[in-house]
Amino acid sequence: RDSIKNMITGTSQADCAVLIIDSTTGGFEAGISKDGQTREHALLAFTLGVKQMICCCNKMDATTPKYSKARYEEIVKEVSSYIKKVGYNPDKIPFVPISGFEGDNMI
């Protein structure tokens, strides 16, 4: 929970948030669950006044099959639904499939 305190300090001064979403089976479901960090971080960003957000679907190299379009679209749909409830306009939030491990789509 120390990371939340640090996040609040940094987020209160931010112009844009980058929400990193775990795309793995189980990882995404845990993050988007009622007490998940993905939900918590999106809500905190909006509550602290960050109006712009970029959502990065990480670990796309670990989906089955690798870089699964179906998995990416499932994540975009679920996260878009949640961030709309928080107060963001999902049509203005870009979603980027990435792999930090492989370095794909990072530049």
PDB file of N, CA and C in Angstrom:
ATOM      1  N   ARG A   1       0.796  -1.209   0.000  1.00  0.00           N
ATOM      2  CA  ARG A   1       0.000   0.000   0.000  1.00  0.00           C
ATOM      3  C   ARG A   1       0.836   1.269   0.000  1.00  0.00           C
ATOM      4  N   ASP A   2       2.146   1.148   0.241  1.00  0.00           N
ATOM      5  CA  ASP A   2       3.021   2.316   0.131  1.00  0.00           C
ATOM      6  C   ASP A   2       3.039   2.849  -1.289  1.00  0.00           C
ATOM      7  N   SER A   3       2.869   1.946  -2.255  1.00  0.00           N
ATOM      8  CA  SER A   3       2.879   2.388  -3.650  1.00  0.00           C
ATOM      9  C   SER A   3       1.697   3.305  -3.945  1.00  0.00           C
ATOM     10  N   ILE A   4       0.575   3.101  -3.271  1.00  0.00           N
ATOM     11  CA  ILE A   4      -0.596   3.968  -3.471  1.00  0.00           C
ATOM     12  C   ILE A   4      -0.290   5.376  -2.965  1.00  0.00           C
ATOM     13  N   LYS A   5       0.371   5.480  -1.816  1.00  0.00           N
ATOM     14  CA  LYS A   5       0.742   6.788  -1.279  1.00  0.00           C
ATOM     15  C   LYS A   5       1.653   7.522  -2.263  1.00  0.00           C
ATOM     16  N   ASN A   6       2.631   6.826  -2.803  1.00  0.00           N
ATOM     17  CA  ASN A   6       3.534   7.431  -3.787  1.00  0.00           C
ATOM     18  C   ASN A   6       2.794   7.798  -5.062  1.00  0.00           C
ATOM     19  N   MET A   7       1.851   6.947  -5.470  1.00  0.00           N
ATOM     20  CA  MET A   7       1.077   7.222  -6.676  1.00  0.00           C
ATOM     21  C   MET A   7       0.253   8.496  -6.500  1.00  0.00           C
ATOM     22  N   ILE A   8      -0.363   8.657  -5.345  1.00  0.00           N
ATOM     23  CA  ILE A   8      -1.182   9.842  -5.087  1.00  0.00           C
ATOM     24  C   ILE A   8      -0.319  11.100  -5.160  1.00  0.00           C
ATOM     25  N   THR A   9       0.863  11.054  -4.588  1.00  0.00           N
ATOM     26  CA  THR A   9       1.767  12.203  -4.616  1.00  0.00           C
ATOM     27  C   THR A   9       2.115  12.589  -6.050  1.00  0.00           C
ATOM     28  N   GLY A  10       2.493  11.622  -6.866  1.00  0.00           N
ATOM     29  CA  GLY A  10       2.864  11.905  -8.250  1.00  0.00           C
ATOM     30  C   GLY A  10       1.686  12.253  -9.130  1.00  0.00           C
ATOM     31  N   THR A  11       0.578  11.563  -8.934  1.00  0.00           N
ATOM     32  CA  THR A  11      -0.594  11.751  -9.786  1.00  0.00           C
ATOM     33  C   THR A  11      -1.205  13.131  -9.618  1.00  0.00           C
ATOM     34  N   SER A  12      -1.127  13.676  -8.430  1.00  0.00           N
ATOM     35  CA  SER A  12      -1.739  14.983  -8.189  1.00  0.00           C
ATOM     36  C   SER A  12      -1.086  16.083  -9.023  1.00  0.00           C
ATOM     37  N   GLN A  13       0.099  15.822  -9.574  1.00  0.00           N
ATOM     38  CA  GLN A  13       0.800  16.808 -10.396  1.00  0.00           C
ATOM     39  C   GLN A  13       0.838  16.425 -11.875  1.00  0.00           C
ATOM     40  N   ALA A  14       0.208  15.330 -12.245  1.00  0.00           N
ATOM     41  CA  ALA A  14       0.326  14.791 -13.606  1.00  0.00           C
ATOM     42  C   ALA A  14      -0.688  15.398 -14.571  1.00  0.00           C
ATOM     43  N   ASP A  15      -0.280  15.511 -15.822  1.00  0.00           N
ATOM     44  CA  ASP A  15      -1.181  15.934 -16.893  1.00  0.00           C
ATOM     45  C   ASP A  15      -1.825  14.737 -17.575  1.00  0.00           C
ATOM     46  N   CYS A  16      -1.149  13.602 -17.526  1.00  0.00           N
ATOM     47  CA  CYS A  16      -1.622  12.398 -18.207  1.00  0.00           C
ATOM     48  C   CYS A  16      -1.203  11.180 -17.393  1.00  0.00           C
ATOM     49  N   ALA A  17      -2.059  10.172 -17.371  1.00  0.00           N
ATOM     50  CA  ALA A  17      -1.737   8.911 -16.698  1.00  0.00           C
ATOM     51  C   ALA A  17      -1.527   7.832 -17.751  1.00  0.00           C
ATOM     52  N   VAL A  18      -0.607   6.926 -17.473  1.00  0.00           N
ATOM     53  CA  VAL A  18      -0.411   5.745 -18.303  1.00  0.00           C
ATOM     54  C   VAL A  18      -0.805   4.557 -17.441  1.00  0.00           C
ATOM     55  N   LEU A  19      -1.918   3.938 -17.790  1.00  0.00           N
ATOM     56  CA  LEU A  19      -2.432   2.792 -17.039  1.00  0.00           C
ATOM     57  C   LEU A  19      -1.888   1.523 -17.682  1.00  0.00           C
ATOM     58  N   ILE A  20      -1.052   0.797 -16.951  1.00  0.00           N
ATOM     59  CA  ILE A  20      -0.470  -0.446 -17.454  1.00  0.00           C
ATOM     60  C   ILE A  20      -1.365  -1.593 -17.007  1.00  0.00           C
ATOM     61  N   ILE A  21      -1.878  -2.340 -17.980  1.00  0.00           N
ATOM     62  CA  ILE A  21      -2.831  -3.418 -17.719  1.00  0.00           C
ATOM     63  C   ILE A  21      -2.163  -4.755 -17.999  1.00  0.00           C
ATOM     64  N   ASP A  22      -2.228  -5.662 -17.043  1.00  0.00           N
ATOM     65  CA  ASP A  22      -1.699  -7.021 -17.206  1.00  0.00           C
ATOM     66  C   ASP A  22      -2.661  -7.788 -18.114  1.00  0.00           C
ATOM     67  N   SER A  23      -2.181  -8.246 -19.261  1.00  0.00           N
ATOM     68  CA  SER A  23      -3.041  -8.936 -20.230  1.00  0.00           C
ATOM     69  C   SER A  23      -3.078 -10.447 -20.054  1.00  0.00           C
ATOM     70  N   THR A  24      -2.289 -10.978 -19.122  1.00  0.00           N
ATOM     71  CA  THR A  24      -2.235 -12.430 -18.963  1.00  0.00           C
ATOM     72  C   THR A  24      -3.538 -12.970 -18.391  1.00  0.00           C
ATOM     73  N   THR A  25      -3.795 -14.244 -18.661  1.00  0.00           N
ATOM     74  CA  THR A  25      -4.961 -14.905 -18.087  1.00  0.00           C
ATOM     75  C   THR A  25      -4.772 -14.952 -16.578  1.00  0.00           C
ATOM     76  N   GLY A  26      -5.729 -14.473 -15.869  1.00  0.00           N
ATOM     77  CA  GLY A  26      -5.645 -14.405 -14.417  1.00  0.00           C
ATOM     78  C   GLY A  26      -5.153 -13.052 -13.944  1.00  0.00           C
ATOM     79  N   GLY A  27      -4.122 -12.532 -14.586  1.00  0.00           N
ATOM     80  CA  GLY A  27      -3.584 -11.227 -14.214  1.00  0.00           C
ATOM     81  C   GLY A  27      -4.567 -10.108 -14.509  1.00  0.00           C
ATOM     82  N   PHE A  28      -5.151 -10.149 -15.703  1.00  0.00           N
ATOM     83  CA  PHE A  28      -6.135  -9.124 -16.049  1.00  0.00           C
ATOM     84  C   PHE A  28      -7.361  -9.234 -15.162  1.00  0.00           C
ATOM     85  N   GLU A  29      -7.833 -10.446 -14.966  1.00  0.00           N
ATOM     86  CA  GLU A  29      -9.039 -10.659 -14.168  1.00  0.00           C
ATOM     87  C   GLU A  29      -8.838 -10.174 -12.728  1.00  0.00           C
ATOM     88  N   ALA A  30      -7.652 -10.401 -12.178  1.00  0.00           N
ATOM     89  CA  ALA A  30      -7.357  -9.923 -10.819  1.00  0.00           C
ATOM     90  C   ALA A  30      -7.318  -8.393 -10.785  1.00  0.00           C
ATOM     91  N   GLY A  31      -6.716  -7.788 -11.796  1.00  0.00           N
ATOM     92  CA  GLY A  31      -6.591  -6.337 -11.835  1.00  0.00           C
ATOM     93  C   GLY A  31      -7.899  -5.608 -12.025  1.00  0.00           C
ATOM     94  N   ILE A  32      -8.818  -6.209 -12.760  1.00  0.00           N
ATOM     95  CA  ILE A  32     -10.098  -5.561 -13.056  1.00  0.00           C
ATOM     96  C   ILE A  32     -11.179  -5.965 -12.053  1.00  0.00           C
ATOM     97  N   SER A  33     -10.856  -6.877 -11.143  1.00  0.00           N
ATOM     98  CA  SER A  33     -11.830  -7.309 -10.135  1.00  0.00           C
ATOM     99  C   SER A  33     -12.162  -6.149  -9.193  1.00  0.00           C
ATOM    100  N   LYS A  34     -13.153  -6.345  -8.361  1.00  0.00           N
ATOM    101  CA  LYS A  34     -13.648  -5.284  -7.477  1.00  0.00           C
ATOM    102  C   LYS A  34     -12.531  -4.598  -6.689  1.00  0.00           C
ATOM    103  N   ASP A  35     -11.584  -5.352  -6.182  1.00  0.00           N
ATOM    104  CA  ASP A  35     -10.491  -4.784  -5.392  1.00  0.00           C
ATOM    105  C   ASP A  35      -9.173  -4.734  -6.162  1.00  0.00           C
ATOM    106  N   GLY A  36      -9.238  -4.846  -7.483  1.00  0.00           N
ATOM    107  CA  GLY A  36      -8.030  -4.916  -8.298  1.00  0.00           C
ATOM    108  C   GLY A  36      -7.325  -3.582  -8.466  1.00  0.00           C
ATOM    109  N   GLN A  37      -6.015  -3.657  -8.713  1.00  0.00           N
ATOM    110  CA  GLN A  37      -5.210  -2.447  -8.865  1.00  0.00           C
ATOM    111  C   GLN A  37      -5.516  -1.674 -10.140  1.00  0.00           C
ATOM    112  N   THR A  38      -5.888  -2.360 -11.201  1.00  0.00           N
ATOM    113  CA  THR A  38      -6.225  -1.651 -12.440  1.00  0.00           C
ATOM    114  C   THR A  38      -7.387  -0.702 -12.183  1.00  0.00           C
ATOM    115  N   ARG A  39      -8.418  -1.212 -11.546  1.00  0.00           N
ATOM    116  CA  ARG A  39      -9.581  -0.376 -11.213  1.00  0.00           C
ATOM    117  C   ARG A  39      -9.191   0.754 -10.263  1.00  0.00           C
ATOM    118  N   GLU A  40      -8.441   0.393  -9.235  1.00  0.00           N
ATOM    119  CA  GLU A  40      -8.050   1.367  -8.220  1.00  0.00           C
ATOM    120  C   GLU A  40      -7.228   2.504  -8.825  1.00  0.00           C
ATOM    121  N   HIS A  41      -6.282   2.178  -9.678  1.00  0.00           N
ATOM    122  CA  HIS A  41      -5.421   3.203 -10.268  1.00  0.00           C
ATOM    123  C   HIS A  41      -6.192   4.108 -11.230  1.00  0.00           C
ATOM    124  N   ALA A  42      -7.098   3.542 -12.010  1.00  0.00           N
ATOM    125  CA  ALA A  42      -7.913   4.361 -12.919  1.00  0.00           C
ATOM    126  C   ALA A  42      -8.795   5.321 -12.123  1.00  0.00           C
ATOM    127  N   LEU A  43      -9.411   4.826 -11.065  1.00  0.00           N
ATOM    128  CA  LEU A  43     -10.273   5.663 -10.226  1.00  0.00           C
ATOM    129  C   LEU A  43      -9.469   6.766  -9.540  1.00  0.00           C
ATOM    130  N   LEU A  44      -8.325   6.418  -8.989  1.00  0.00           N
ATOM    131  CA  LEU A  44      -7.482   7.424  -8.330  1.00  0.00           C
ATOM    132  C   LEU A  44      -7.023   8.501  -9.305  1.00  0.00           C
ATOM    133  N   ALA A  45      -6.627   8.097 -10.496  1.00  0.00           N
ATOM    134  CA  ALA A  45      -6.173   9.075 -11.489  1.00  0.00           C
ATOM    135  C   ALA A  45      -7.277  10.088 -11.788  1.00  0.00           C
ATOM    136  N   PHE A  46      -8.483   9.600 -12.016  1.00  0.00           N
ATOM    137  CA  PHE A  46      -9.586  10.515 -12.327  1.00  0.00           C
ATOM    138  C   PHE A  46      -9.930  11.387 -11.119  1.00  0.00           C
ATOM    139  N   THR A  47      -9.999  10.770  -9.953  1.00  0.00           N
ATOM    140  CA  THR A  47     -10.342  11.495  -8.729  1.00  0.00           C
ATOM    141  C   THR A  47      -9.332  12.602  -8.432  1.00  0.00           C
ATOM    142  N   LEU A  48      -8.078  12.358  -8.763  1.00  0.00           N
ATOM    143  CA  LEU A  48      -7.031  13.349  -8.509  1.00  0.00           C
ATOM    144  C   LEU A  48      -6.893  14.374  -9.633  1.00  0.00           C
ATOM    145  N   GLY A  49      -7.802  14.313 -10.604  1.00  0.00           N
ATOM    146  CA  GLY A  49      -7.859  15.353 -11.621  1.00  0.00           C
ATOM    147  C   GLY A  49      -7.090  15.103 -12.900  1.00  0.00           C
ATOM    148  N   VAL A  50      -6.615  13.886 -13.101  1.00  0.00           N
ATOM    149  CA  VAL A  50      -5.901  13.578 -14.343  1.00  0.00           C
ATOM    150  C   VAL A  50      -6.946  13.321 -15.428  1.00  0.00           C
ATOM    151  N   LYS A  51      -7.022  14.208 -16.397  1.00  0.00           N
ATOM    152  CA  LYS A  51      -8.079  14.134 -17.411  1.00  0.00           C
ATOM    153  C   LYS A  51      -7.700  13.302 -18.634  1.00  0.00           C
ATOM    154  N   GLN A  52      -6.409  13.094 -18.848  1.00  0.00           N
ATOM    155  CA  GLN A  52      -5.961  12.320 -20.005  1.00  0.00           C
ATOM    156  C   GLN A  52      -5.339  11.012 -19.539  1.00  0.00           C
ATOM    157  N   MET A  53      -5.607   9.956 -20.294  1.00  0.00           N
ATOM    158  CA  MET A  53      -5.057   8.656 -19.942  1.00  0.00           C
ATOM    159  C   MET A  53      -4.717   7.879 -21.200  1.00  0.00           C
ATOM    160  N   ILE A  54      -3.670   7.087 -21.098  1.00  0.00           N
ATOM    161  CA  ILE A  54      -3.303   6.116 -22.126  1.00  0.00           C
ATOM    162  C   ILE A  54      -3.314   4.760 -21.445  1.00  0.00           C
ATOM    163  N   CYS A  55      -3.982   3.789 -22.033  1.00  0.00           N
ATOM    164  CA  CYS A  55      -4.031   2.435 -21.477  1.00  0.00           C
ATOM    165  C   CYS A  55      -3.113   1.528 -22.290  1.00  0.00           C
ATOM    166  N   CYS A  56      -2.158   0.914 -21.622  1.00  0.00           N
ATOM    167  CA  CYS A  56      -1.225  -0.009 -22.272  1.00  0.00           C
ATOM    168  C   CYS A  56      -1.526  -1.428 -21.820  1.00  0.00           C
ATOM    169  N   CYS A  57      -1.871  -2.276 -22.767  1.00  0.00           N
ATOM    170  CA  CYS A  57      -2.133  -3.689 -22.479  1.00  0.00           C
ATOM    171  C   CYS A  57      -0.800  -4.418 -22.542  1.00  0.00           C
ATOM    172  N   ASN A  58      -0.201  -4.650 -21.380  1.00  0.00           N
ATOM    173  CA  ASN A  58       1.134  -5.240 -21.295  1.00  0.00           C
ATOM    174  C   ASN A  58       1.065  -6.763 -21.289  1.00  0.00           C
ATOM    175  N   LYS A  59       2.198  -7.378 -21.545  1.00  0.00           N
ATOM    176  CA  LYS A  59       2.359  -8.836 -21.555  1.00  0.00           C
ATOM    177  C   LYS A  59       1.563  -9.500 -22.677  1.00  0.00           C
ATOM    178  N   MET A  60       1.390  -8.781 -23.780  1.00  0.00           N
ATOM    179  CA  MET A  60       0.680  -9.362 -24.921  1.00  0.00           C
ATOM    180  C   MET A  60       1.447 -10.538 -25.512  1.00  0.00           C
ATOM    181  N   ASP A  61       2.743 -10.622 -25.237  1.00  0.00           N
ATOM    182  CA  ASP A  61       3.543 -11.760 -25.689  1.00  0.00           C
ATOM    183  C   ASP A  61       3.235 -13.022 -24.884  1.00  0.00           C
ATOM    184  N   ALA A  62       2.531 -12.873 -23.758  1.00  0.00           N
ATOM    185  CA  ALA A  62       2.223 -14.012 -22.886  1.00  0.00           C
ATOM    186  C   ALA A  62       0.767 -14.458 -23.001  1.00  0.00           C
ATOM    187  N   THR A  63       0.045 -13.926 -23.988  1.00  0.00           N
ATOM    188  CA  THR A  63      -1.338 -14.367 -24.196  1.00  0.00           C
ATOM    189  C   THR A  63      -1.330 -15.629 -25.050  1.00  0.00           C
ATOM    190  N   THR A  64      -2.461 -16.316 -25.077  1.00  0.00           N
ATOM    191  CA  THR A  64      -2.578 -17.526 -25.907  1.00  0.00           C
ATOM    192  C   THR A  64      -3.653 -17.293 -26.949  1.00  0.00           C
ATOM    193  N   PRO A  65      -3.279 -17.284 -28.229  1.00  0.00           N
ATOM    194  CA  PRO A  65      -1.915 -17.304 -28.774  1.00  0.00           C
ATOM    195  C   PRO A  65      -1.215 -15.977 -28.481  1.00  0.00           C
ATOM    196  N   LYS A  66       0.098 -15.930 -28.749  1.00  0.00           N
ATOM    197  CA  LYS A  66       0.845 -14.695 -28.533  1.00  0.00           C
ATOM    198  C   LYS A  66       0.192 -13.551 -29.305  1.00  0.00           C
ATOM    199  N   TYR A  67       0.115 -12.398 -28.670  1.00  0.00           N
ATOM    200  CA  TYR A  67      -0.449 -11.192 -29.276  1.00  0.00           C
ATOM    201  C   TYR A  67      -1.880 -11.423 -29.775  1.00  0.00           C
ATOM    202  N   SER A  68      -2.679 -12.075 -28.943  1.00  0.00           N
ATOM    203  CA  SER A  68      -4.055 -12.431 -29.293  1.00  0.00           C
ATOM    204  C   SER A  68      -4.927 -11.188 -29.482  1.00  0.00           C
ATOM    205  N   LYS A  69      -5.455 -11.042 -30.684  1.00  0.00           N
ATOM    206  CA  LYS A  69      -6.354  -9.924 -30.977  1.00  0.00           C
ATOM    207  C   LYS A  69      -7.631 -10.045 -30.159  1.00  0.00           C
ATOM    208  N   ALA A  70      -8.135 -11.266 -30.003  1.00  0.00           N
ATOM    209  CA  ALA A  70      -9.365 -11.485 -29.229  1.00  0.00           C
ATOM    210  C   ALA A  70      -9.162 -11.064 -27.770  1.00  0.00           C
ATOM    211  N   ARG A  71      -8.020 -11.416 -27.198  1.00  0.00           N
ATOM    212  CA  ARG A  71      -7.734 -11.046 -25.807  1.00  0.00           C
ATOM    213  C   ARG A  71      -7.619  -9.535 -25.679  1.00  0.00           C
ATOM    214  N   TYR A  72      -6.919  -8.904 -26.613  1.00  0.00           N
ATOM    215  CA  TYR A  72      -6.775  -7.447 -26.620  1.00  0.00           C
ATOM    216  C   TYR A  72      -8.146  -6.770 -26.676  1.00  0.00           C
ATOM    217  N   GLU A  73      -9.002  -7.229 -27.577  1.00  0.00           N
ATOM    218  CA  GLU A  73     -10.331  -6.630 -27.722  1.00  0.00           C
ATOM    219  C   GLU A  73     -11.187  -6.843 -26.478  1.00  0.00           C
ATOM    220  N   GLU A  74     -11.047  -8.010 -25.837  1.00  0.00           N
ATOM    221  CA  GLU A  74     -11.768  -8.286 -24.591  1.00  0.00           C
ATOM    222  C   GLU A  74     -11.346  -7.291 -23.499  1.00  0.00           C
ATOM    223  N   ILE A  75     -10.053  -7.055 -23.397  1.00  0.00           N
ATOM    224  CA  ILE A  75      -9.527  -6.130 -22.389  1.00  0.00           C
ATOM    225  C   ILE A  75      -9.994  -4.706 -22.676  1.00  0.00           C
ATOM    226  N   VAL A  76      -9.906  -4.281 -23.931  1.00  0.00           N
ATOM    227  CA  VAL A  76     -10.351  -2.937 -24.309  1.00  0.00           C
ATOM    228  C   VAL A  76     -11.820  -2.751 -23.947  1.00  0.00           C
ATOM    229  N   LYS A  77     -12.638  -3.749 -24.230  1.00  0.00           N
ATOM    230  CA  LYS A  77     -14.072  -3.658 -23.945  1.00  0.00           C
ATOM    231  C   LYS A  77     -14.336  -3.523 -22.445  1.00  0.00           C
ATOM    232  N   GLU A  78     -13.704  -4.375 -21.647  1.00  0.00           N
ATOM    233  CA  GLU A  78     -13.943  -4.346 -20.199  1.00  0.00           C
ATOM    234  C   GLU A  78     -13.398  -3.087 -19.545  1.00  0.00           C
ATOM    235  N   VAL A  79     -12.194  -2.699 -19.908  1.00  0.00           N
ATOM    236  CA  VAL A  79     -11.594  -1.508 -19.304  1.00  0.00           C
ATOM    237  C   VAL A  79     -12.347  -0.258 -19.753  1.00  0.00           C
ATOM    238  N   SER A  80     -12.752  -0.195 -21.007  1.00  0.00           N
ATOM    239  CA  SER A  80     -13.530   0.948 -21.501  1.00  0.00           C
ATOM    240  C   SER A  80     -14.818   1.108 -20.712  1.00  0.00           C
ATOM    241  N   SER A  81     -15.480   0.000 -20.446  1.00  0.00           N
ATOM    242  CA  SER A  81     -16.717   0.032 -19.667  1.00  0.00           C
ATOM    243  C   SER A  81     -16.463   0.591 -18.268  1.00  0.00           C
ATOM    244  N   TYR A  82     -15.382   0.158 -17.651  1.00  0.00           N
ATOM    245  CA  TYR A  82     -15.083   0.628 -16.293  1.00  0.00           C
ATOM    246  C   TYR A  82     -14.674   2.098 -16.277  1.00  0.00           C
ATOM    247  N   ILE A  83     -13.779   2.508 -17.169  1.00  0.00           N
ATOM    248  CA  ILE A  83     -13.314   3.895 -17.121  1.00  0.00           C
ATOM    249  C   ILE A  83     -14.433   4.877 -17.479  1.00  0.00           C
ATOM    250  N   LYS A  84     -15.419   4.408 -18.221  1.00  0.00           N
ATOM    251  CA  LYS A  84     -16.591   5.252 -18.494  1.00  0.00           C
ATOM    252  C   LYS A  84     -17.352   5.508 -17.200  1.00  0.00           C
ATOM    253  N   LYS A  85     -17.507   4.468 -16.375  1.00  0.00           N
ATOM    254  CA  LYS A  85     -18.184   4.620 -15.078  1.00  0.00           C
ATOM    255  C   LYS A  85     -17.412   5.563 -14.160  1.00  0.00           C
ATOM    256  N   VAL A  86     -16.096   5.534 -14.257  1.00  0.00           N
ATOM    257  CA  VAL A  86     -15.241   6.401 -13.437  1.00  0.00           C
ATOM    258  C   VAL A  86     -15.413   7.860 -13.846  1.00  0.00           C
ATOM    259  N   GLY A  87     -15.597   8.108 -15.151  1.00  0.00           N
ATOM    260  CA  GLY A  87     -15.770   9.474 -15.622  1.00  0.00           C
ATOM    261  C   GLY A  87     -14.999   9.824 -16.875  1.00  0.00           C
ATOM    262  N   TYR A  88     -14.162   8.908 -17.347  1.00  0.00           N
ATOM    263  CA  TYR A  88     -13.421   9.138 -18.588  1.00  0.00           C
ATOM    264  C   TYR A  88     -14.310   8.854 -19.793  1.00  0.00           C
ATOM    265  N   ASN A  89     -13.988   9.480 -20.918  1.00  0.00           N
ATOM    266  CA  ASN A  89     -14.644   9.175 -22.183  1.00  0.00           C
ATOM    267  C   ASN A  89     -13.781   8.129 -22.890  1.00  0.00           C
ATOM    268  N   PRO A  90     -14.233   6.859 -22.941  1.00  0.00           N
ATOM    269  CA  PRO A  90     -13.398   5.810 -23.525  1.00  0.00           C
ATOM    270  C   PRO A  90     -13.037   6.044 -24.991  1.00  0.00           C
ATOM    271  N   ASP A  91     -13.831   6.839 -25.709  1.00  0.00           N
ATOM    272  CA  ASP A  91     -13.521   7.134 -27.109  1.00  0.00           C
ATOM    273  C   ASP A  91     -12.271   8.010 -27.240  1.00  0.00           C
ATOM    274  N   LYS A  92     -11.883   8.661 -26.152  1.00  0.00           N
ATOM    275  CA  LYS A  92     -10.714   9.544 -26.183  1.00  0.00           C
ATOM    276  C   LYS A  92      -9.503   8.936 -25.483  1.00  0.00           C
ATOM    277  N   ILE A  93      -9.626   7.681 -25.085  1.00  0.00           N
ATOM    278  CA  ILE A  93      -8.532   6.990 -24.397  1.00  0.00           C
ATOM    279  C   ILE A  93      -7.903   5.986 -25.360  1.00  0.00           C
ATOM    280  N   PRO A  94      -6.656   6.211 -25.761  1.00  0.00           N
ATOM    281  CA  PRO A  94      -6.006   5.224 -26.638  1.00  0.00           C
ATOM    282  C   PRO A  94      -5.590   3.978 -25.856  1.00  0.00           C
ATOM    283  N   PHE A  95      -5.739   2.835 -26.489  1.00  0.00           N
ATOM    284  CA  PHE A  95      -5.285   1.555 -25.946  1.00  0.00           C
ATOM    285  C   PHE A  95      -4.149   1.068 -26.835  1.00  0.00           C
ATOM    286  N   VAL A  96      -3.037   0.694 -26.216  1.00  0.00           N
ATOM    287  CA  VAL A  96      -1.854   0.284 -26.958  1.00  0.00           C
ATOM    288  C   VAL A  96      -1.428  -1.103 -26.489  1.00  0.00           C
ATOM    289  N   PRO A  97      -1.410  -2.099 -27.390  1.00  0.00           N
ATOM    290  CA  PRO A  97      -0.896  -3.418 -26.995  1.00  0.00           C
ATOM    291  C   PRO A  97       0.628  -3.365 -26.941  1.00  0.00           C
ATOM    292  N   ILE A  98       1.204  -3.808 -25.822  1.00  0.00           N
ATOM    293  CA  ILE A  98       2.659  -3.754 -25.669  1.00  0.00           C
ATOM    294  C   ILE A  98       3.199  -5.042 -25.043  1.00  0.00           C
ATOM    295  N   SER A  99       4.495  -5.187 -25.126  1.00  0.00           N
ATOM    296  CA  SER A  99       5.213  -6.212 -24.373  1.00  0.00           C
ATOM    297  C   SER A  99       6.467  -5.560 -23.816  1.00  0.00           C
ATOM    298  N   GLY A 100       6.469  -5.305 -22.523  1.00  0.00           N
ATOM    299  CA  GLY A 100       7.649  -4.734 -21.891  1.00  0.00           C
ATOM    300  C   GLY A 100       8.834  -5.678 -21.970  1.00  0.00           C
ATOM    301  N   PHE A 101       8.569  -6.974 -21.854  1.00  0.00           N
ATOM    302  CA  PHE A 101       9.629  -7.978 -21.883  1.00  0.00           C
ATOM    303  C   PHE A 101      10.306  -8.031 -23.247  1.00  0.00           C
ATOM    304  N   GLU A 102       9.493  -8.044 -24.299  1.00  0.00           N
ATOM    305  CA  GLU A 102      10.030  -8.096 -25.665  1.00  0.00           C
ATOM    306  C   GLU A 102      10.381  -6.703 -26.200  1.00  0.00           C
ATOM    307  N   GLY A 103       9.850  -5.661 -25.566  1.00  0.00           N
ATOM    308  CA  GLY A 103      10.078  -4.297 -26.038  1.00  0.00           C
ATOM    309  C   GLY A 103       9.169  -3.905 -27.190  1.00  0.00           C
ATOM    310  N   ASP A 104       8.129  -4.689 -27.443  1.00  0.00           N
ATOM    311  CA  ASP A 104       7.237  -4.429 -28.577  1.00  0.00           C
ATOM    312  C   ASP A 104       6.287  -3.270 -28.294  1.00  0.00           C
ATOM    313  N   ASN A 105       6.204  -2.353 -29.269  1.00  0.00           N
ATOM    314  CA  ASN A 105       5.327  -1.183 -29.229  1.00  0.00           C
ATOM    315  C   ASN A 105       5.695  -0.212 -28.111  1.00  0.00           C
ATOM    316  N   MET A 106       6.940  -0.241 -27.694  1.00  0.00           N
ATOM    317  CA  MET A 106       7.378   0.608 -26.587  1.00  0.00           C
ATOM    318  C   MET A 106       7.928   1.955 -27.056  1.00  0.00           C
ATOM    319  N   ILE A 107       8.257   2.056 -28.334  1.00  0.00           N
ATOM    320  CA  ILE A 107       8.842   3.312 -28.829  1.00  0.00           C
ATOM    321  C   ILE A 107       7.850   4.015 -29.721  1.00  0.00           C
TER     322      ILE A 107
END
